[in-house]
Amino acid sequence: MLEFNPDGSLKLTDSQTREQELEKDSVIITREQISQKPAKVQIRIKFPEDIQNPDEILDFYHRIDCSRFASVAHSIGHANSRTFIIKVDEGSMLMYSLLNFMVEGFKMRFEQDLRNQRRVIVRGIWANFGNNSGV
């Protein structure tokens, strides 16, 4: 049954409140489908407020060996000081493989660097791609 707060907002369950608190301290990697025709996708990586140097992601991005996907043009930019977006400039079937490769690489790197003090949450799926594991 839905419950509402006195201000009219939806009241969260205890588990939803705990999950929301955990997310505040987590690195969140989101797969985002921008369009299907033409296919355009991106990865959004959001850091918690207390991360000291989120710009280290730029160094890691440039060191990832994407030689298997050399034909896929991609770039990285800031949405704001704590959020980065990696996007593919031209759609292709290889772009999904490249971005999944990056998602897994970033996830492993963040989990290693953060020494399990924080969670890394991966969300979202891409349309028209076989094995999307996402939340």
N, C-alpha and C. Protein backbone atom coordinates (compact mmCIF):
# COMPACT_ATOMS: atom_id res chain seq x y z
N MET A 1 0.84 -1.17 0.00
CA MET A 1 0.00 0.00 0.00
C MET A 1 0.89 1.24 0.00
N LEU A 2 0.52 2.21 -0.79
CA LEU A 2 1.28 3.45 -0.86
C LEU A 2 0.96 4.33 0.34
N GLU A 3 2.00 4.93 0.89
CA GLU A 3 1.83 5.88 1.98
C GLU A 3 2.47 7.19 1.57
N PHE A 4 1.94 8.28 2.11
CA PHE A 4 2.43 9.59 1.77
C PHE A 4 2.88 10.34 3.02
N ASN A 5 3.89 11.18 2.83
CA ASN A 5 4.36 12.05 3.90
C ASN A 5 3.39 13.21 4.05
N PRO A 6 3.47 13.95 5.17
CA PRO A 6 2.58 15.10 5.36
C PRO A 6 2.68 16.15 4.24
N ASP A 7 3.85 16.24 3.59
CA ASP A 7 4.00 17.22 2.51
C ASP A 7 3.46 16.71 1.17
N GLY A 8 2.92 15.50 1.15
CA GLY A 8 2.34 14.94 -0.06
C GLY A 8 3.28 14.07 -0.87
N SER A 9 4.54 14.02 -0.49
CA SER A 9 5.50 13.18 -1.21
C SER A 9 5.30 11.72 -0.82
N LEU A 10 5.75 10.84 -1.71
CA LEU A 10 5.62 9.41 -1.47
C LEU A 10 6.55 8.98 -0.35
N LYS A 11 6.04 8.24 0.61
CA LYS A 11 6.84 7.76 1.72
C LYS A 11 7.60 6.52 1.29
N LEU A 12 8.92 6.53 1.52
CA LEU A 12 9.75 5.39 1.15
C LEU A 12 9.69 4.33 2.23
N THR A 13 9.84 3.08 1.82
CA THR A 13 9.93 2.00 2.79
C THR A 13 11.29 2.09 3.47
N ASP A 14 11.46 1.36 4.56
CA ASP A 14 12.75 1.36 5.26
C ASP A 14 13.87 0.86 4.35
N SER A 15 13.61 -0.16 3.57
CA SER A 15 14.65 -0.69 2.67
C SER A 15 14.99 0.32 1.57
N GLN A 16 13.99 1.03 1.07
CA GLN A 16 14.25 2.06 0.06
C GLN A 16 15.08 3.20 0.65
N THR A 17 14.80 3.57 1.88
CA THR A 17 15.56 4.62 2.55
C THR A 17 17.01 4.18 2.75
N ARG A 18 17.23 2.94 3.19
CA ARG A 18 18.59 2.41 3.36
C ARG A 18 19.32 2.39 2.03
N GLU A 19 18.65 1.94 0.98
CA GLU A 19 19.25 1.88 -0.35
C GLU A 19 19.63 3.29 -0.83
N GLN A 20 18.78 4.25 -0.59
CA GLN A 20 19.05 5.63 -0.98
C GLN A 20 20.27 6.17 -0.24
N GLU A 21 20.42 5.83 1.03
CA GLU A 21 21.58 6.26 1.81
C GLU A 21 22.85 5.61 1.28
N LEU A 22 22.79 4.33 0.95
CA LEU A 22 23.95 3.64 0.39
C LEU A 22 24.37 4.26 -0.94
N GLU A 23 23.41 4.66 -1.74
CA GLU A 23 23.72 5.25 -3.04
C GLU A 23 24.47 6.56 -2.90
N LYS A 24 24.22 7.30 -1.83
CA LYS A 24 24.92 8.57 -1.63
C LYS A 24 26.42 8.37 -1.51
N ASP A 25 26.84 7.21 -1.01
CA ASP A 25 28.26 6.91 -0.82
C ASP A 25 28.80 5.97 -1.88
N SER A 26 28.08 5.78 -2.96
CA SER A 26 28.47 4.81 -3.99
C SER A 26 28.89 5.52 -5.27
N VAL A 27 29.71 4.84 -6.05
CA VAL A 27 30.00 5.25 -7.42
C VAL A 27 28.91 4.60 -8.27
N ILE A 28 28.23 5.39 -9.08
CA ILE A 28 27.13 4.86 -9.89
C ILE A 28 27.51 4.97 -11.37
N ILE A 29 27.54 3.82 -12.03
CA ILE A 29 27.83 3.74 -13.46
C ILE A 29 26.51 3.39 -14.15
N THR A 30 26.07 4.25 -15.06
CA THR A 30 24.78 4.05 -15.71
C THR A 30 24.95 3.93 -17.21
N ARG A 31 24.40 2.86 -17.77
CA ARG A 31 24.33 2.71 -19.22
C ARG A 31 23.10 3.48 -19.69
N GLU A 32 23.27 4.34 -20.67
CA GLU A 32 22.15 5.16 -21.14
C GLU A 32 22.00 5.04 -22.65
N GLN A 33 20.80 4.68 -23.09
CA GLN A 33 20.48 4.62 -24.51
C GLN A 33 19.92 5.99 -24.89
N ILE A 34 20.62 6.71 -25.75
CA ILE A 34 20.18 8.04 -26.17
C ILE A 34 19.16 7.92 -27.29
N SER A 35 19.46 7.09 -28.28
CA SER A 35 18.51 6.83 -29.37
C SER A 35 18.82 5.45 -29.95
N GLN A 36 17.82 4.90 -30.64
CA GLN A 36 18.00 3.59 -31.26
C GLN A 36 18.32 3.71 -32.74
N LYS A 37 17.75 4.68 -33.42
CA LYS A 37 18.00 4.88 -34.85
C LYS A 37 18.25 6.35 -35.08
N PRO A 38 19.45 6.79 -35.27
CA PRO A 38 20.68 5.99 -35.22
C PRO A 38 21.00 5.61 -33.77
N ALA A 39 21.70 4.50 -33.62
CA ALA A 39 22.05 4.03 -32.29
C ALA A 39 23.06 4.97 -31.65
N LYS A 40 22.69 5.49 -30.48
CA LYS A 40 23.59 6.35 -29.71
C LYS A 40 23.46 5.97 -28.26
N VAL A 41 24.60 5.72 -27.64
CA VAL A 41 24.61 5.32 -26.23
C VAL A 41 25.75 6.04 -25.51
N GLN A 42 25.67 6.00 -24.19
CA GLN A 42 26.73 6.59 -23.38
C GLN A 42 26.77 5.93 -22.02
N ILE A 43 27.87 6.18 -21.33
CA ILE A 43 28.04 5.74 -19.94
C ILE A 43 28.13 7.00 -19.10
N ARG A 44 27.38 7.03 -18.01
CA ARG A 44 27.44 8.14 -17.06
C ARG A 44 28.05 7.59 -15.78
N ILE A 45 29.11 8.23 -15.30
CA ILE A 45 29.78 7.79 -14.07
C ILE A 45 29.68 8.93 -13.06
N LYS A 46 28.99 8.64 -11.96
CA LYS A 46 28.75 9.67 -10.94
C LYS A 46 29.46 9.27 -9.65
N PHE A 47 30.25 10.19 -9.12
CA PHE A 47 30.99 9.96 -7.89
C PHE A 47 30.28 10.60 -6.70
N PRO A 48 30.48 10.03 -5.50
CA PRO A 48 29.92 10.66 -4.31
C PRO A 48 30.64 11.98 -4.00
N GLU A 49 30.03 12.77 -3.17
CA GLU A 49 30.56 14.10 -2.84
C GLU A 49 31.96 14.06 -2.24
N ASP A 50 32.26 13.06 -1.42
CA ASP A 50 33.51 13.10 -0.68
C ASP A 50 34.70 12.45 -1.39
N ILE A 51 34.56 12.08 -2.65
CA ILE A 51 35.71 11.56 -3.40
C ILE A 51 36.66 12.74 -3.62
N GLN A 52 37.93 12.52 -3.31
CA GLN A 52 38.92 13.60 -3.36
C GLN A 52 39.26 14.06 -4.77
N ASN A 53 39.51 13.12 -5.68
CA ASN A 53 39.96 13.51 -7.01
C ASN A 53 39.25 12.70 -8.10
N PRO A 54 38.02 13.07 -8.43
CA PRO A 54 37.32 12.31 -9.46
C PRO A 54 37.97 12.43 -10.84
N ASP A 55 38.82 13.44 -11.05
CA ASP A 55 39.46 13.60 -12.35
C ASP A 55 40.44 12.49 -12.68
N GLU A 56 40.78 11.66 -11.70
CA GLU A 56 41.65 10.51 -11.99
C GLU A 56 41.01 9.59 -13.02
N ILE A 57 39.70 9.68 -13.15
CA ILE A 57 39.01 8.87 -14.15
C ILE A 57 39.52 9.18 -15.55
N LEU A 58 39.91 10.42 -15.80
CA LEU A 58 40.42 10.79 -17.12
C LEU A 58 41.71 10.03 -17.44
N ASP A 59 42.59 9.92 -16.46
CA ASP A 59 43.83 9.16 -16.66
C ASP A 59 43.52 7.70 -16.95
N PHE A 60 42.61 7.12 -16.18
CA PHE A 60 42.26 5.72 -16.38
C PHE A 60 41.60 5.52 -17.75
N TYR A 61 40.73 6.42 -18.13
CA TYR A 61 40.07 6.35 -19.43
C TYR A 61 41.10 6.30 -20.56
N HIS A 62 42.12 7.14 -20.47
CA HIS A 62 43.13 7.20 -21.52
C HIS A 62 44.08 6.01 -21.50
N ARG A 63 44.16 5.29 -20.38
CA ARG A 63 45.03 4.12 -20.29
C ARG A 63 44.33 2.81 -20.66
N ILE A 64 43.01 2.80 -20.68
CA ILE A 64 42.29 1.56 -21.03
C ILE A 64 42.69 1.14 -22.43
N ASP A 65 43.02 -0.11 -22.58
CA ASP A 65 43.42 -0.63 -23.89
C ASP A 65 42.16 -0.99 -24.68
N CYS A 66 41.78 -0.11 -25.56
CA CYS A 66 40.59 -0.34 -26.38
C CYS A 66 40.97 -0.70 -27.81
N SER A 67 42.17 -1.24 -27.99
CA SER A 67 42.65 -1.53 -29.34
C SER A 67 41.74 -2.50 -30.09
N ARG A 68 41.04 -3.36 -29.35
CA ARG A 68 40.11 -4.29 -30.00
C ARG A 68 38.95 -3.55 -30.65
N PHE A 69 38.72 -2.32 -30.20
CA PHE A 69 37.58 -1.55 -30.68
C PHE A 69 38.05 -0.25 -31.34
N ALA A 70 39.18 -0.30 -32.02
CA ALA A 70 39.79 0.91 -32.59
C ALA A 70 38.87 1.63 -33.57
N SER A 71 37.94 0.93 -34.18
CA SER A 71 37.06 1.56 -35.16
C SER A 71 35.92 2.35 -34.52
N VAL A 72 35.77 2.26 -33.20
CA VAL A 72 34.67 2.94 -32.53
C VAL A 72 35.17 4.26 -31.93
N ALA A 73 34.68 5.37 -32.47
CA ALA A 73 35.07 6.69 -31.96
C ALA A 73 34.31 6.99 -30.68
N HIS A 74 35.04 7.39 -29.64
CA HIS A 74 34.40 7.71 -28.36
C HIS A 74 35.13 8.86 -27.71
N SER A 75 34.46 9.50 -26.76
CA SER A 75 35.04 10.64 -26.05
C SER A 75 34.52 10.68 -24.63
N ILE A 76 35.21 11.44 -23.79
CA ILE A 76 34.80 11.60 -22.39
C ILE A 76 34.68 13.09 -22.10
N GLY A 77 33.71 13.43 -21.28
CA GLY A 77 33.52 14.82 -20.88
C GLY A 77 32.89 14.89 -19.50
N HIS A 78 32.82 16.09 -18.96
CA HIS A 78 32.21 16.34 -17.66
C HIS A 78 30.76 16.79 -17.84
N ALA A 79 29.87 16.23 -17.07
CA ALA A 79 28.51 16.78 -16.96
C ALA A 79 28.53 17.83 -15.86
N ASN A 80 29.31 17.55 -14.81
CA ASN A 80 29.59 18.48 -13.72
C ASN A 80 30.85 17.99 -13.03
N SER A 81 31.20 18.55 -11.87
CA SER A 81 32.47 18.22 -11.23
C SER A 81 32.55 16.78 -10.73
N ARG A 82 31.42 16.11 -10.56
CA ARG A 82 31.40 14.74 -10.05
C ARG A 82 30.85 13.71 -11.03
N THR A 83 30.47 14.16 -12.21
CA THR A 83 29.84 13.25 -13.18
C THR A 83 30.56 13.34 -14.52
N PHE A 84 30.92 12.17 -15.04
CA PHE A 84 31.59 12.07 -16.33
C PHE A 84 30.69 11.29 -17.29
N ILE A 85 30.78 11.66 -18.56
CA ILE A 85 30.01 10.96 -19.58
C ILE A 85 30.95 10.50 -20.68
N ILE A 86 30.89 9.20 -20.98
CA ILE A 86 31.65 8.63 -22.09
C ILE A 86 30.63 8.32 -23.16
N LYS A 87 30.83 8.90 -24.34
CA LYS A 87 29.85 8.67 -25.40
C LYS A 87 30.54 8.20 -26.67
N VAL A 88 29.78 7.48 -27.46
CA VAL A 88 30.23 7.00 -28.75
C VAL A 88 29.71 7.99 -29.78
N ASP A 89 30.61 8.46 -30.62
CA ASP A 89 30.24 9.48 -31.59
C ASP A 89 29.45 8.95 -32.77
N GLU A 90 29.68 7.68 -33.16
CA GLU A 90 28.92 7.07 -34.25
C GLU A 90 28.53 5.66 -33.84
N GLY A 91 27.28 5.32 -34.01
CA GLY A 91 26.79 4.02 -33.59
C GLY A 91 27.26 2.87 -34.46
N SER A 92 27.50 1.74 -33.81
CA SER A 92 27.83 0.50 -34.49
C SER A 92 27.61 -0.64 -33.50
N MET A 93 27.59 -1.86 -33.99
CA MET A 93 27.42 -2.98 -33.05
C MET A 93 28.61 -3.09 -32.11
N LEU A 94 29.80 -2.72 -32.57
CA LEU A 94 30.97 -2.79 -31.70
C LEU A 94 30.91 -1.80 -30.54
N MET A 95 30.11 -0.73 -30.69
CA MET A 95 30.06 0.26 -29.61
C MET A 95 29.53 -0.36 -28.32
N TYR A 96 28.59 -1.29 -28.42
CA TYR A 96 28.06 -1.92 -27.23
C TYR A 96 29.14 -2.75 -26.53
N SER A 97 29.92 -3.48 -27.34
CA SER A 97 31.01 -4.27 -26.77
C SER A 97 32.06 -3.37 -26.11
N LEU A 98 32.41 -2.28 -26.79
CA LEU A 98 33.37 -1.33 -26.22
C LEU A 98 32.88 -0.77 -24.89
N LEU A 99 31.65 -0.30 -24.87
CA LEU A 99 31.15 0.34 -23.65
C LEU A 99 30.97 -0.67 -22.52
N ASN A 100 30.56 -1.91 -22.85
CA ASN A 100 30.50 -2.94 -21.80
C ASN A 100 31.90 -3.24 -21.26
N PHE A 101 32.88 -3.26 -22.15
CA PHE A 101 34.27 -3.45 -21.76
C PHE A 101 34.69 -2.33 -20.80
N MET A 102 34.33 -1.09 -21.12
CA MET A 102 34.67 0.05 -20.27
C MET A 102 33.94 -0.02 -18.93
N VAL A 103 32.66 -0.36 -18.96
CA VAL A 103 31.90 -0.47 -17.71
C VAL A 103 32.59 -1.46 -16.77
N GLU A 104 32.95 -2.62 -17.28
CA GLU A 104 33.60 -3.63 -16.44
C GLU A 104 34.98 -3.15 -15.97
N GLY A 105 35.72 -2.48 -16.84
CA GLY A 105 37.04 -1.96 -16.46
C GLY A 105 36.94 -0.91 -15.37
N PHE A 106 36.02 0.03 -15.52
CA PHE A 106 35.83 1.05 -14.50
C PHE A 106 35.34 0.45 -13.19
N LYS A 107 34.41 -0.49 -13.28
CA LYS A 107 33.88 -1.13 -12.06
C LYS A 107 35.00 -1.81 -11.28
N MET A 108 35.83 -2.59 -11.98
CA MET A 108 36.94 -3.26 -11.30
C MET A 108 37.90 -2.24 -10.71
N ARG A 109 38.21 -1.20 -11.45
CA ARG A 109 39.15 -0.17 -10.97
C ARG A 109 38.60 0.53 -9.73
N PHE A 110 37.35 0.92 -9.76
CA PHE A 110 36.77 1.64 -8.62
C PHE A 110 36.70 0.75 -7.39
N GLU A 111 36.29 -0.49 -7.58
CA GLU A 111 36.21 -1.41 -6.44
C GLU A 111 37.60 -1.63 -5.84
N GLN A 112 38.60 -1.70 -6.69
CA GLN A 112 39.97 -1.90 -6.21
C GLN A 112 40.46 -0.64 -5.49
N ASP A 113 40.27 0.53 -6.10
CA ASP A 113 40.75 1.78 -5.51
C ASP A 113 40.03 2.12 -4.22
N LEU A 114 38.76 1.82 -4.18
CA LEU A 114 37.96 2.21 -3.01
C LEU A 114 38.07 1.18 -1.89
N ARG A 115 38.74 0.08 -2.16
CA ARG A 115 38.99 -0.97 -1.17
C ARG A 115 37.71 -1.37 -0.41
N ASN A 116 36.67 -1.54 -1.20
CA ASN A 116 35.38 -2.00 -0.66
C ASN A 116 34.79 -1.08 0.39
N GLN A 117 35.28 0.15 0.48
CA GLN A 117 34.67 1.10 1.40
C GLN A 117 33.37 1.65 0.80
N ARG A 118 33.25 1.54 -0.49
CA ARG A 118 32.07 2.03 -1.20
C ARG A 118 31.58 0.95 -2.16
N ARG A 119 30.36 1.07 -2.50
CA ARG A 119 29.82 0.18 -3.51
C ARG A 119 29.95 0.83 -4.88
N VAL A 120 30.04 0.00 -5.88
CA VAL A 120 29.95 0.45 -7.27
C VAL A 120 28.67 -0.15 -7.80
N ILE A 121 27.76 0.71 -8.20
CA ILE A 121 26.45 0.28 -8.70
C ILE A 121 26.42 0.48 -10.21
N VAL A 122 26.08 -0.58 -10.94
CA VAL A 122 25.94 -0.50 -12.40
C VAL A 122 24.46 -0.62 -12.71
N ARG A 123 23.97 0.35 -13.48
CA ARG A 123 22.54 0.38 -13.84
C ARG A 123 22.37 0.49 -15.33
N GLY A 124 21.16 0.23 -15.76
CA GLY A 124 20.76 0.49 -17.13
C GLY A 124 21.10 -0.61 -18.11
N ILE A 125 20.44 -0.55 -19.25
CA ILE A 125 20.68 -1.48 -20.36
C ILE A 125 20.67 -0.68 -21.65
N TRP A 126 21.18 -1.32 -22.68
CA TRP A 126 21.11 -0.73 -24.01
C TRP A 126 20.18 -1.56 -24.86
N ALA A 127 19.38 -0.89 -25.65
CA ALA A 127 18.44 -1.58 -26.55
C ALA A 127 19.21 -2.32 -27.63
N ASN A 128 18.63 -3.37 -28.12
CA ASN A 128 19.18 -4.13 -29.25
C ASN A 128 20.56 -4.71 -28.99
N PHE A 129 20.86 -5.01 -27.77
CA PHE A 129 22.14 -5.66 -27.47
C PHE A 129 21.86 -6.86 -26.61
N GLY A 130 22.39 -8.00 -26.99
CA GLY A 130 22.10 -9.29 -26.38
C GLY A 130 22.16 -9.37 -24.88
N ASN A 131 23.33 -9.41 -24.29
CA ASN A 131 23.47 -9.75 -22.88
C ASN A 131 23.77 -8.53 -22.04
N ASN A 132 22.78 -7.71 -21.77
CA ASN A 132 22.92 -6.53 -20.91
C ASN A 132 22.63 -6.93 -19.48
N SER A 133 23.60 -6.93 -18.64
CA SER A 133 23.27 -7.13 -17.23
C SER A 133 23.20 -5.76 -16.62
N GLY A 134 22.09 -5.43 -16.06
CA GLY A 134 21.92 -4.12 -15.46
C GLY A 134 20.84 -4.14 -14.44
N VAL A 135 20.80 -3.11 -13.64
CA VAL A 135 19.82 -3.01 -12.57
C VAL A 135 18.66 -2.19 -13.06
